Amino acid sequence: MPKVRTKDIMEQFHLELVSGEEGINRPITISDLSRPGIEMAGYFTYYPKERVQLLGKTELSFFEQLSERERKQRMMSLCTDITPAIILSRDREVPKELIEASNENGVPVLRSSLKTTRLSSRLTNFLESKLAPTTAIHGVLVDVYGVGVLLIGKSGVGKSETALELVKRGHRLVADDCVEIRQEDQDTLVGSAPELIEHLLEIRGLGIINVMTLFGAGAVRSYKRITIVMNLELWEQGKQYDRLGLEEEKMRIIDTDVPKLTIPVRPGRNLAVIIEVAAMNFRLKRMGHNAAEQFTSKLADVIEDNGQDE
């Protein structure tokens, strides 16, 4: 099922439908836009017909200089069977040749009052957001001190209970159980909750609770950029865990590598506090303060000094 159709951008940006109404359900599959200036001059060899076409002052002023035969020919070539829409900016008058071609081929012609550059920018941002690669992960996403923390782990390890404790401590829940993730940029992952379970938290023995109803609007948020992944796993006797914090593990989500920490779970460990400290420590590392590296450096200096004394 197409993620975006022509009627979606028409409604989103309050565009006026001029002609080609039968094509308003055409799918938009690519976020790139096209300003067909060279096509207006008659060169259609590399015409990106699958893109939304944007006509501004430059394209239309050149079009007015063409002969009547050329105008009809250009507009018929512009309106293909897969072109999602042709949009005119600045409320410019729609050429009659375009209206005829659009009605014949079922290509919606829309009009906006916005300037061409602004319309292009807003359309691109909207389409990139809607058409971004997506996936879903079993886990819990929480905003801790402004850091998007994705909690993962086997079922029953305590992810939702930890999230509840974090919410009680003033942090914000984004999604529980299923986190929908979209890659908005090369290294930007944004997580949100499916509409059906938004603001809900499932606690075993207690059932489903509505976090916003219980704790207020300040306890939830609709989406958050994922900054770090914390894998909760039951403590295994004999397994070596990172005790200094020098090891940096990564988890690949879609096409992005996200820093990952493994937090062992055992009775008596306050996971909420550990996750709070991990989030603050992560922010400090981003600011250039790495406690583990500073300790290692000091330790090396002490060993070197003792070696020289001997």
C-alpha atoms as a PDB file:
ATOM      1  CA  MET A   1       0.000   0.000   0.000  1.00  0.00           C
ATOM      2  CA  PRO A   2       1.484   3.387  -1.000  1.00  0.00           C
ATOM      3  CA  LYS A   3       2.629   5.513   1.935  1.00  0.00           C
ATOM      4  CA  VAL A   4       1.776   8.808   0.223  1.00  0.00           C
ATOM      5  CA  ARG A   5      -0.734   9.684  -2.484  1.00  0.00           C
ATOM      6  CA  THR A   6      -1.287  12.937  -4.351  1.00  0.00           C
ATOM      7  CA  LYS A   7      -4.377  13.738  -2.279  1.00  0.00           C
ATOM      8  CA  ASP A   8      -2.225  13.558   0.898  1.00  0.00           C
ATOM      9  CA  ILE A   9       0.011  16.463  -0.191  1.00  0.00           C
ATOM     10  CA  MET A  10      -3.069  18.300  -1.468  1.00  0.00           C
ATOM     11  CA  GLU A  11      -4.637  18.109   2.007  1.00  0.00           C
ATOM     12  CA  GLN A  12      -1.391  18.694   3.905  1.00  0.00           C
ATOM     13  CA  PHE A  13      -0.493  21.916   2.063  1.00  0.00           C
ATOM     14  CA  HIS A  14      -4.051  23.097   1.242  1.00  0.00           C
ATOM     15  CA  LEU A  15      -3.388  22.979  -2.494  1.00  0.00           C
ATOM     16  CA  GLU A  16      -6.089  23.981  -4.980  1.00  0.00           C
ATOM     17  CA  LEU A  17      -7.057  21.252  -7.456  1.00  0.00           C
ATOM     18  CA  VAL A  18      -7.305  22.837 -10.925  1.00  0.00           C
ATOM     19  CA  SER A  19      -7.649  19.811 -13.234  1.00  0.00           C
ATOM     20  CA  GLY A  20      -6.917  16.091 -13.576  1.00  0.00           C
ATOM     21  CA  GLU A  21      -9.102  15.123 -10.622  1.00  0.00           C
ATOM     22  CA  GLU A  22      -9.193  11.433 -11.534  1.00  0.00           C
ATOM     23  CA  GLY A  23      -5.485  11.105 -10.688  1.00  0.00           C
ATOM     24  CA  ILE A  24      -5.554  12.356  -7.083  1.00  0.00           C
ATOM     25  CA  ASN A  25      -5.016   8.806  -5.785  1.00  0.00           C
ATOM     26  CA  ARG A  26      -1.749   8.359  -7.691  1.00  0.00           C
ATOM     27  CA  PRO A  27       1.094   7.081  -5.476  1.00  0.00           C
ATOM     28  CA  ILE A  28       4.176   9.205  -4.733  1.00  0.00           C
ATOM     29  CA  THR A  29       7.168   6.885  -4.420  1.00  0.00           C
ATOM     30  CA  ILE A  30      10.103   9.293  -4.314  1.00  0.00           C
ATOM     31  CA  SER A  31      10.790  12.373  -2.183  1.00  0.00           C
ATOM     32  CA  ASP A  32      12.796  14.223  -4.853  1.00  0.00           C
ATOM     33  CA  LEU A  33      10.990  16.979  -6.738  1.00  0.00           C
ATOM     34  CA  SER A  34      11.558  18.092 -10.329  1.00  0.00           C
ATOM     35  CA  ARG A  35      11.532  21.593 -11.816  1.00  0.00           C
ATOM     36  CA  PRO A  36      11.192  20.755 -15.515  1.00  0.00           C
ATOM     37  CA  GLY A  37      12.975  23.750 -17.012  1.00  0.00           C
ATOM     38  CA  ILE A  38      15.036  21.804 -19.560  1.00  0.00           C
ATOM     39  CA  GLU A  39      11.951  19.783 -20.457  1.00  0.00           C
ATOM     40  CA  MET A  40      10.141  23.025 -21.295  1.00  0.00           C
ATOM     41  CA  ALA A  41      12.912  23.565 -23.843  1.00  0.00           C
ATOM     42  CA  GLY A  42      12.050  20.197 -25.419  1.00  0.00           C
ATOM     43  CA  TYR A  43      14.646  17.825 -23.906  1.00  0.00           C
ATOM     44  CA  PHE A  44      12.765  14.868 -22.369  1.00  0.00           C
ATOM     45  CA  THR A  45      15.465  12.159 -22.642  1.00  0.00           C
ATOM     46  CA  TYR A  46      16.084  12.031 -18.892  1.00  0.00           C
ATOM     47  CA  TYR A  47      12.709  13.368 -17.754  1.00  0.00           C
ATOM     48  CA  PRO A  48      12.066  12.115 -14.160  1.00  0.00           C
ATOM     49  CA  LYS A  49       8.364  11.503 -14.765  1.00  0.00           C
ATOM     50  CA  GLU A  50       7.858   9.610 -11.481  1.00  0.00           C
ATOM     51  CA  ARG A  51       8.535  12.771  -9.444  1.00  0.00           C
ATOM     52  CA  VAL A  52       6.199  15.582  -8.421  1.00  0.00           C
ATOM     53  CA  GLN A  53       6.725  18.383 -10.971  1.00  0.00           C
ATOM     54  CA  LEU A  54       7.029  21.950  -9.695  1.00  0.00           C
ATOM     55  CA  LEU A  55       6.428  24.891 -12.032  1.00  0.00           C
ATOM     56  CA  GLY A  56       7.525  28.336 -10.895  1.00  0.00           C
ATOM     57  CA  LYS A  57       7.931  31.771 -12.420  1.00  0.00           C
ATOM     58  CA  THR A  58      11.015  30.776 -14.460  1.00  0.00           C
ATOM     59  CA  GLU A  59       9.458  27.727 -16.129  1.00  0.00           C
ATOM     60  CA  LEU A  60       6.142  29.411 -16.910  1.00  0.00           C
ATOM     61  CA  SER A  61       7.659  32.639 -18.270  1.00  0.00           C
ATOM     62  CA  PHE A  62       9.765  30.569 -20.687  1.00  0.00           C
ATOM     63  CA  PHE A  63       6.694  28.499 -21.624  1.00  0.00           C
ATOM     64  CA  GLU A  64       4.824  31.678 -22.637  1.00  0.00           C
ATOM     65  CA  GLN A  65       7.459  32.366 -25.324  1.00  0.00           C
ATOM     66  CA  LEU A  66       6.816  29.068 -27.134  1.00  0.00           C
ATOM     67  CA  SER A  67       4.586  28.642 -30.165  1.00  0.00           C
ATOM     68  CA  GLU A  68       1.095  27.159 -29.730  1.00  0.00           C
ATOM     69  CA  ARG A  69       2.157  23.824 -31.261  1.00  0.00           C
ATOM     70  CA  GLU A  70       5.210  23.595 -28.964  1.00  0.00           C
ATOM     71  CA  ARG A  71       3.099  24.421 -25.908  1.00  0.00           C
ATOM     72  CA  LYS A  72       0.695  21.552 -26.574  1.00  0.00           C
ATOM     73  CA  GLN A  73       3.552  19.167 -27.315  1.00  0.00           C
ATOM     74  CA  ARG A  74       5.489  20.092 -24.149  1.00  0.00           C
ATOM     75  CA  MET A  75       2.475  19.711 -21.853  1.00  0.00           C
ATOM     76  CA  MET A  76       1.445  16.374 -23.369  1.00  0.00           C
ATOM     77  CA  SER A  77       5.006  15.114 -22.800  1.00  0.00           C
ATOM     78  CA  LEU A  78       4.985  16.489 -19.244  1.00  0.00           C
ATOM     79  CA  CYS A  79       1.755  14.652 -18.300  1.00  0.00           C
ATOM     80  CA  THR A  80       2.621  10.938 -18.250  1.00  0.00           C
ATOM     81  CA  ASP A  81       0.735   7.950 -16.875  1.00  0.00           C
ATOM     82  CA  ILE A  82       2.896   7.847 -13.709  1.00  0.00           C
ATOM     83  CA  THR A  83       3.425  11.554 -12.965  1.00  0.00           C
ATOM     84  CA  PRO A  84       1.905  12.054  -9.479  1.00  0.00           C
ATOM     85  CA  ALA A  85       1.152  15.775  -9.793  1.00  0.00           C
ATOM     86  CA  ILE A  86       2.138  19.082 -11.369  1.00  0.00           C
ATOM     87  CA  ILE A  87       2.141  21.964  -8.901  1.00  0.00           C
ATOM     88  CA  LEU A  88       2.211  25.674  -9.747  1.00  0.00           C
ATOM     89  CA  SER A  89       3.542  28.099  -7.141  1.00  0.00           C
ATOM     90  CA  ARG A  90       2.654  31.739  -6.382  1.00  0.00           C
ATOM     91  CA  ASP A  91      -0.999  31.230  -7.459  1.00  0.00           C
ATOM     92  CA  ARG A  92       0.069  31.610 -11.082  1.00  0.00           C
ATOM     93  CA  GLU A  93      -2.449  31.201 -13.878  1.00  0.00           C
ATOM     94  CA  VAL A  94      -2.568  27.648 -15.257  1.00  0.00           C
ATOM     95  CA  PRO A  95      -1.933  27.470 -19.042  1.00  0.00           C
ATOM     96  CA  LYS A  96      -4.914  26.057 -20.950  1.00  0.00           C
ATOM     97  CA  GLU A  97      -2.566  23.566 -22.679  1.00  0.00           C
ATOM     98  CA  LEU A  98      -1.654  22.114 -19.281  1.00  0.00           C
ATOM     99  CA  ILE A  99      -5.324  21.813 -18.259  1.00  0.00           C
ATOM    100  CA  GLU A 100      -6.150  19.952 -21.485  1.00  0.00           C
ATOM    101  CA  ALA A 101      -3.161  17.592 -21.180  1.00  0.00           C
ATOM    102  CA  SER A 102      -3.807  16.899 -17.489  1.00  0.00           C
ATOM    103  CA  ASN A 103      -7.466  16.047 -18.042  1.00  0.00           C
ATOM    104  CA  GLU A 104      -6.599  13.782 -20.953  1.00  0.00           C
ATOM    105  CA  ASN A 105      -3.918  11.863 -19.027  1.00  0.00           C
ATOM    106  CA  GLY A 106      -5.425  12.078 -15.529  1.00  0.00           C
ATOM    107  CA  VAL A 107      -2.505  14.034 -14.025  1.00  0.00           C
ATOM    108  CA  PRO A 108      -3.601  16.309 -11.128  1.00  0.00           C
ATOM    109  CA  VAL A 109      -2.670  19.962 -11.562  1.00  0.00           C
ATOM    110  CA  LEU A 110      -2.465  21.746  -8.211  1.00  0.00           C
ATOM    111  CA  ARG A 111      -1.835  25.366  -7.273  1.00  0.00           C
ATOM    112  CA  SER A 112      -0.227  26.918  -4.193  1.00  0.00           C
ATOM    113  CA  SER A 113       0.126  30.488  -2.950  1.00  0.00           C
ATOM    114  CA  LEU A 114       3.615  29.775  -1.571  1.00  0.00           C
ATOM    115  CA  LYS A 115       6.844  30.880  -3.240  1.00  0.00           C
ATOM    116  CA  THR A 116       8.552  28.166  -5.278  1.00  0.00           C
ATOM    117  CA  THR A 117      11.584  27.735  -2.991  1.00  0.00           C
ATOM    118  CA  ARG A 118       9.522  27.570   0.200  1.00  0.00           C
ATOM    119  CA  LEU A 119       7.023  25.159  -1.345  1.00  0.00           C
ATOM    120  CA  SER A 120       9.851  22.958  -2.604  1.00  0.00           C
ATOM    121  CA  SER A 121      11.492  22.879   0.831  1.00  0.00           C
ATOM    122  CA  ARG A 122       8.274  22.042   2.707  1.00  0.00           C
ATOM    123  CA  LEU A 123       7.228  19.400   0.205  1.00  0.00           C
ATOM    124  CA  THR A 124      10.646  17.716   0.314  1.00  0.00           C
ATOM    125  CA  ASN A 125      10.689  17.622   4.130  1.00  0.00           C
ATOM    126  CA  PHE A 126       7.167  16.162   4.230  1.00  0.00           C
ATOM    127  CA  LEU A 127       7.905  13.482   1.615  1.00  0.00           C
ATOM    128  CA  GLU A 128      11.264  12.512   3.137  1.00  0.00           C
ATOM    129  CA  SER A 129       9.586  12.035   6.502  1.00  0.00           C
ATOM    130  CA  LYS A 130       6.736   9.950   5.046  1.00  0.00           C
ATOM    131  CA  LEU A 131       8.877   7.902   2.646  1.00  0.00           C
ATOM    132  CA  ALA A 132      11.787   7.254   5.015  1.00  0.00           C
ATOM    133  CA  PRO A 133      12.867   3.594   5.487  1.00  0.00           C
ATOM    134  CA  THR A 134      11.058   2.095   8.482  1.00  0.00           C
ATOM    135  CA  THR A 135      11.242  -0.934  10.749  1.00  0.00           C
ATOM    136  CA  ALA A 136       9.754  -2.099  14.043  1.00  0.00           C
ATOM    137  CA  ILE A 137      11.646  -3.409  17.070  1.00  0.00           C
ATOM    138  CA  HIS A 138      10.388  -5.167  20.190  1.00  0.00           C
ATOM    139  CA  GLY A 139      11.454  -2.887  23.020  1.00  0.00           C
ATOM    140  CA  VAL A 140      10.733   0.255  25.013  1.00  0.00           C
ATOM    141  CA  LEU A 141      11.755   3.806  24.055  1.00  0.00           C
ATOM    142  CA  VAL A 142      12.194   6.396  26.814  1.00  0.00           C
ATOM    143  CA  ASP A 143      13.431   9.987  26.829  1.00  0.00           C
ATOM    144  CA  VAL A 144      15.950  10.187  29.691  1.00  0.00           C
ATOM    145  CA  TYR A 145      17.502  13.644  30.252  1.00  0.00           C
ATOM    146  CA  GLY A 146      16.982  14.378  26.545  1.00  0.00           C
ATOM    147  CA  VAL A 147      18.673  11.139  25.458  1.00  0.00           C
ATOM    148  CA  GLY A 148      16.541   8.689  23.470  1.00  0.00           C
ATOM    149  CA  VAL A 149      17.148   5.340  25.217  1.00  0.00           C
ATOM    150  CA  LEU A 150      15.897   2.186  23.471  1.00  0.00           C
ATOM    151  CA  LEU A 151      15.558  -0.695  25.952  1.00  0.00           C
ATOM    152  CA  ILE A 152      15.715  -4.143  24.380  1.00  0.00           C
ATOM    153  CA  GLY A 153      15.955  -7.655  25.816  1.00  0.00           C
ATOM    154  CA  LYS A 154      14.090 -10.910  26.103  1.00  0.00           C
ATOM    155  CA  SER A 155      10.425 -10.920  27.060  1.00  0.00           C
ATOM    156  CA  GLY A 156       9.943 -10.720  30.836  1.00  0.00           C
ATOM    157  CA  VAL A 157      13.371  -9.229  31.614  1.00  0.00           C
ATOM    158  CA  GLY A 158      11.756  -6.071  33.051  1.00  0.00           C
ATOM    159  CA  LYS A 159      11.811  -3.467  30.272  1.00  0.00           C
ATOM    160  CA  SER A 160       8.310  -2.111  30.940  1.00  0.00           C
ATOM    161  CA  GLU A 161       8.796  -2.098  34.725  1.00  0.00           C
ATOM    162  CA  THR A 162      12.038  -0.151  34.269  1.00  0.00           C
ATOM    163  CA  ALA A 163      10.247   2.305  31.982  1.00  0.00           C
ATOM    164  CA  LEU A 164       7.543   2.782  34.631  1.00  0.00           C
ATOM    165  CA  GLU A 165      10.170   3.565  37.262  1.00  0.00           C
ATOM    166  CA  LEU A 166      11.815   6.057  34.885  1.00  0.00           C
ATOM    167  CA  VAL A 167       8.457   7.765  34.260  1.00  0.00           C
ATOM    168  CA  LYS A 168       7.936   8.024  38.038  1.00  0.00           C
ATOM    169  CA  ARG A 169      11.352   9.690  38.277  1.00  0.00           C
ATOM    170  CA  GLY A 170      10.285  12.403  35.811  1.00  0.00           C
ATOM    171  CA  HIS A 171      11.338  10.990  32.445  1.00  0.00           C
ATOM    172  CA  ARG A 172       9.089  10.495  29.425  1.00  0.00           C
ATOM    173  CA  LEU A 173       7.719   7.382  27.737  1.00  0.00           C
ATOM    174  CA  VAL A 174       7.672   7.258  23.943  1.00  0.00           C
ATOM    175  CA  ALA A 175       6.711   3.643  23.172  1.00  0.00           C
ATOM    176  CA  ASP A 176       6.269   0.327  24.948  1.00  0.00           C
ATOM    177  CA  ASP A 177       6.448  -3.198  23.502  1.00  0.00           C
ATOM    178  CA  CYS A 178       6.680  -2.141  19.827  1.00  0.00           C
ATOM    179  CA  VAL A 179       8.830   0.772  18.654  1.00  0.00           C
ATOM    180  CA  GLU A 180       8.307   1.967  15.087  1.00  0.00           C
ATOM    181  CA  ILE A 181      11.582   3.386  13.759  1.00  0.00           C
ATOM    182  CA  ARG A 182      12.150   5.494  10.672  1.00  0.00           C
ATOM    183  CA  GLN A 183      15.493   6.617   9.286  1.00  0.00           C
ATOM    184  CA  GLU A 184      15.057  10.290   8.527  1.00  0.00           C
ATOM    185  CA  ASP A 185      18.679  10.916   7.596  1.00  0.00           C
ATOM    186  CA  GLN A 186      21.937   9.011   7.125  1.00  0.00           C
ATOM    187  CA  ASP A 187      22.491   8.734  10.890  1.00  0.00           C
ATOM    188  CA  THR A 188      19.138   9.835  12.336  1.00  0.00           C
ATOM    189  CA  LEU A 189      16.684   7.249  13.684  1.00  0.00           C
ATOM    190  CA  VAL A 190      13.379   8.447  15.094  1.00  0.00           C
ATOM    191  CA  GLY A 191      11.204   6.124  17.167  1.00  0.00           C
ATOM    192  CA  SER A 192       7.489   6.372  17.893  1.00  0.00           C
ATOM    193  CA  ALA A 193       4.641   4.194  19.130  1.00  0.00           C
ATOM    194  CA  PRO A 194       2.006   2.550  16.917  1.00  0.00           C
ATOM    195  CA  GLU A 195      -1.202   4.560  17.169  1.00  0.00           C
ATOM    196  CA  LEU A 196      -3.062   1.667  18.829  1.00  0.00           C
ATOM    197  CA  ILE A 197      -0.734   1.473  21.855  1.00  0.00           C
ATOM    198  CA  GLU A 198       0.415   5.098  22.134  1.00  0.00           C
ATOM    199  CA  HIS A 199       0.896   6.216  25.777  1.00  0.00           C
ATOM    200  CA  LEU A 200       0.136   2.679  27.034  1.00  0.00           C
ATOM    201  CA  LEU A 201       2.388   0.537  29.221  1.00  0.00           C
ATOM    202  CA  GLU A 202       1.912  -3.167  29.944  1.00  0.00           C
ATOM    203  CA  ILE A 203       2.950  -4.313  33.411  1.00  0.00           C
ATOM    204  CA  ARG A 204       2.709  -8.044  34.153  1.00  0.00           C
ATOM    205  CA  GLY A 205       0.291  -8.694  37.015  1.00  0.00           C
ATOM    206  CA  LEU A 206      -1.116  -5.182  36.738  1.00  0.00           C
ATOM    207  CA  GLY A 207      -2.206  -5.073  33.108  1.00  0.00           C
ATOM    208  CA  ILE A 208      -2.280  -2.141  30.695  1.00  0.00           C
ATOM    209  CA  ILE A 209      -1.999   1.358  32.130  1.00  0.00           C
ATOM    210  CA  ASN A 210      -2.334   4.737  30.427  1.00  0.00           C
ATOM    211  CA  VAL A 211       0.786   6.710  31.349  1.00  0.00           C
ATOM    212  CA  MET A 212      -0.603  10.066  30.196  1.00  0.00           C
ATOM    213  CA  THR A 213      -3.796   9.630  32.258  1.00  0.00           C
ATOM    214  CA  LEU A 214      -1.896   8.556  35.386  1.00  0.00           C
ATOM    215  CA  PHE A 215       1.139  10.852  35.248  1.00  0.00           C
ATOM    216  CA  GLY A 216       0.053  13.715  32.966  1.00  0.00           C
ATOM    217  CA  ALA A 217       0.986  14.986  29.517  1.00  0.00           C
ATOM    218  CA  GLY A 218       4.539  15.723  30.678  1.00  0.00           C
ATOM    219  CA  ALA A 219       5.220  12.000  31.127  1.00  0.00           C
ATOM    220  CA  VAL A 220       4.889  11.117  27.439  1.00  0.00           C
ATOM    221  CA  ARG A 221       6.059  12.281  24.049  1.00  0.00           C
ATOM    222  CA  SER A 222       5.051  11.231  20.544  1.00  0.00           C
ATOM    223  CA  TYR A 223       8.491  10.574  19.062  1.00  0.00           C
ATOM    224  CA  LYS A 224      12.173  10.773  19.951  1.00  0.00           C
ATOM    225  CA  ARG A 225      15.501  10.368  18.189  1.00  0.00           C
ATOM    226  CA  ILE A 226      17.179   7.111  19.265  1.00  0.00           C
ATOM    227  CA  THR A 227      20.614   7.908  20.654  1.00  0.00           C
ATOM    228  CA  ILE A 228      21.625   4.768  22.554  1.00  0.00           C
ATOM    229  CA  VAL A 229      20.458   1.143  22.855  1.00  0.00           C
ATOM    230  CA  MET A 230      20.543  -0.629  26.235  1.00  0.00           C
ATOM    231  CA  ASN A 231      20.247  -4.394  26.153  1.00  0.00           C
ATOM    232  CA  LEU A 232      18.833  -5.783  29.417  1.00  0.00           C
ATOM    233  CA  GLU A 233      19.828  -9.406  29.983  1.00  0.00           C
ATOM    234  CA  LEU A 234      19.629 -11.749  32.965  1.00  0.00           C
ATOM    235  CA  TRP A 235      22.925 -11.925  34.871  1.00  0.00           C
ATOM    236  CA  GLU A 236      24.994 -14.933  33.791  1.00  0.00           C
ATOM    237  CA  GLN A 237      27.431 -16.288  36.344  1.00  0.00           C
ATOM    238  CA  GLY A 238      30.916 -16.355  34.909  1.00  0.00           C
ATOM    239  CA  LYS A 239      30.187 -14.057  31.961  1.00  0.00           C
ATOM    240  CA  GLN A 240      32.588 -11.163  31.586  1.00  0.00           C
ATOM    241  CA  TYR A 241      30.873  -7.748  31.583  1.00  0.00           C
ATOM    242  CA  ASP A 242      32.527  -4.429  30.723  1.00  0.00           C
ATOM    243  CA  ARG A 243      33.606  -2.914  34.049  1.00  0.00           C
ATOM    244  CA  LEU A 244      35.515   0.129  32.812  1.00  0.00           C
ATOM    245  CA  GLY A 245      33.294   1.346  29.968  1.00  0.00           C
ATOM    246  CA  LEU A 246      36.049   1.298  27.341  1.00  0.00           C
ATOM    247  CA  GLU A 247      34.369  -1.211  25.052  1.00  0.00           C
ATOM    248  CA  GLU A 248      31.978   0.372  22.566  1.00  0.00           C
ATOM    249  CA  GLU A 249      29.485  -2.019  21.029  1.00  0.00           C
ATOM    250  CA  LYS A 250      27.225  -1.014  18.122  1.00  0.00           C
ATOM    251  CA  MET A 251      23.795  -2.171  16.992  1.00  0.00           C
ATOM    252  CA  ARG A 252      22.782  -1.719  13.365  1.00  0.00           C
ATOM    253  CA  ILE A 253      19.212  -0.484  12.817  1.00  0.00           C
ATOM    254  CA  ILE A 254      18.243  -0.045   9.147  1.00  0.00           C
ATOM    255  CA  ASP A 255      21.456   1.640   7.862  1.00  0.00           C
ATOM    256  CA  THR A 256      22.602   3.311  11.074  1.00  0.00           C
ATOM    257  CA  ASP A 257      24.990   2.072  13.789  1.00  0.00           C
ATOM    258  CA  VAL A 258      23.783   3.027  17.274  1.00  0.00           C
ATOM    259  CA  PRO A 259      25.936   2.755  20.460  1.00  0.00           C
ATOM    260  CA  LYS A 260      24.823  -0.239  22.541  1.00  0.00           C
ATOM    261  CA  LEU A 261      25.320  -1.080  26.222  1.00  0.00           C
ATOM    262  CA  THR A 262      24.595  -4.461  27.823  1.00  0.00           C
ATOM    263  CA  ILE A 263      23.131  -4.092  31.318  1.00  0.00           C
ATOM    264  CA  PRO A 264      23.020  -7.303  33.403  1.00  0.00           C
ATOM    265  CA  VAL A 265      19.797  -7.681  35.420  1.00  0.00           C
ATOM    266  CA  ARG A 266      19.756  -9.274  38.868  1.00  0.00           C
ATOM    267  CA  PRO A 267      17.770  -8.745  42.109  1.00  0.00           C
ATOM    268  CA  GLY A 268      18.887  -5.644  44.013  1.00  0.00           C
ATOM    269  CA  ARG A 269      20.090  -3.667  41.011  1.00  0.00           C
ATOM    270  CA  ASN A 270      18.199  -0.416  40.486  1.00  0.00           C
ATOM    271  CA  LEU A 271      17.946  -0.401  36.710  1.00  0.00           C
ATOM    272  CA  ALA A 272      16.254   2.995  36.520  1.00  0.00           C
ATOM    273  CA  VAL A 273      19.172   4.694  38.301  1.00  0.00           C
ATOM    274  CA  ILE A 274      21.710   2.793  36.188  1.00  0.00           C
ATOM    275  CA  ILE A 275      19.963   3.908  32.979  1.00  0.00           C
ATOM    276  CA  GLU A 276      19.792   7.520  34.216  1.00  0.00           C
ATOM    277  CA  VAL A 277      23.530   7.514  34.948  1.00  0.00           C
ATOM    278  CA  ALA A 278      24.283   5.800  31.618  1.00  0.00           C
ATOM    279  CA  ALA A 279      22.320   8.514  29.777  1.00  0.00           C
ATOM    280  CA  MET A 280      24.128  11.314  31.629  1.00  0.00           C
ATOM    281  CA  ASN A 281      27.477   9.601  31.083  1.00  0.00           C
ATOM    282  CA  PHE A 282      26.714   9.280  27.369  1.00  0.00           C
ATOM    283  CA  ARG A 283      26.035  13.025  27.199  1.00  0.00           C
ATOM    284  CA  LEU A 284      29.322  13.709  28.983  1.00  0.00           C
ATOM    285  CA  LYS A 285      31.189  11.534  26.460  1.00  0.00           C
ATOM    286  CA  ARG A 286      29.625  13.529  23.641  1.00  0.00           C
ATOM    287  CA  MET A 287      30.927  16.676  25.336  1.00  0.00           C
ATOM    288  CA  GLY A 288      34.448  15.206  25.475  1.00  0.00           C
ATOM    289  CA  HIS A 289      34.533  13.937  29.086  1.00  0.00           C
ATOM    290  CA  ASN A 290      35.248  10.198  29.156  1.00  0.00           C
ATOM    291  CA  ALA A 291      35.732   8.979  32.736  1.00  0.00           C
ATOM    292  CA  ALA A 292      36.955   5.526  31.649  1.00  0.00           C
ATOM    293  CA  GLU A 293      39.643   6.964  29.364  1.00  0.00           C
ATOM    294  CA  GLN A 294      40.724   9.498  32.012  1.00  0.00           C
ATOM    295  CA  PHE A 295      41.037   6.706  34.618  1.00  0.00           C
ATOM    296  CA  THR A 296      43.027   4.509  32.201  1.00  0.00           C
ATOM    297  CA  SER A 297      45.328   7.413  31.381  1.00  0.00           C
ATOM    298  CA  LYS A 298      45.941   8.175  35.084  1.00  0.00           C
ATOM    299  CA  LEU A 299      46.542   4.486  35.801  1.00  0.00           C
ATOM    300  CA  ALA A 300      49.110   4.301  32.993  1.00  0.00           C
ATOM    301  CA  ASP A 301      50.877   7.387  34.401  1.00  0.00           C
ATOM    302  CA  VAL A 302      51.006   5.849  37.910  1.00  0.00           C
ATOM    303  CA  ILE A 303      52.440   2.584  36.549  1.00  0.00           C
ATOM    304  CA  GLU A 304      54.999   4.482  34.516  1.00  0.00           C
ATOM    305  CA  ASP A 305      56.018   6.632  37.542  1.00  0.00           C
ATOM    306  CA  ASN A 306      56.383   3.539  39.765  1.00  0.00           C
ATOM    307  CA  GLY A 307      58.497   1.864  37.100  1.00  0.00           C
ATOM    308  CA  GLN A 308      60.832   4.868  36.979  1.00  0.00           C
ATOM    309  CA  ASP A 309      61.144   4.952  40.804  1.00  0.00           C
ATOM    310  CA  GLU A 310      62.374   1.367  40.810  1.00  0.00           C
END
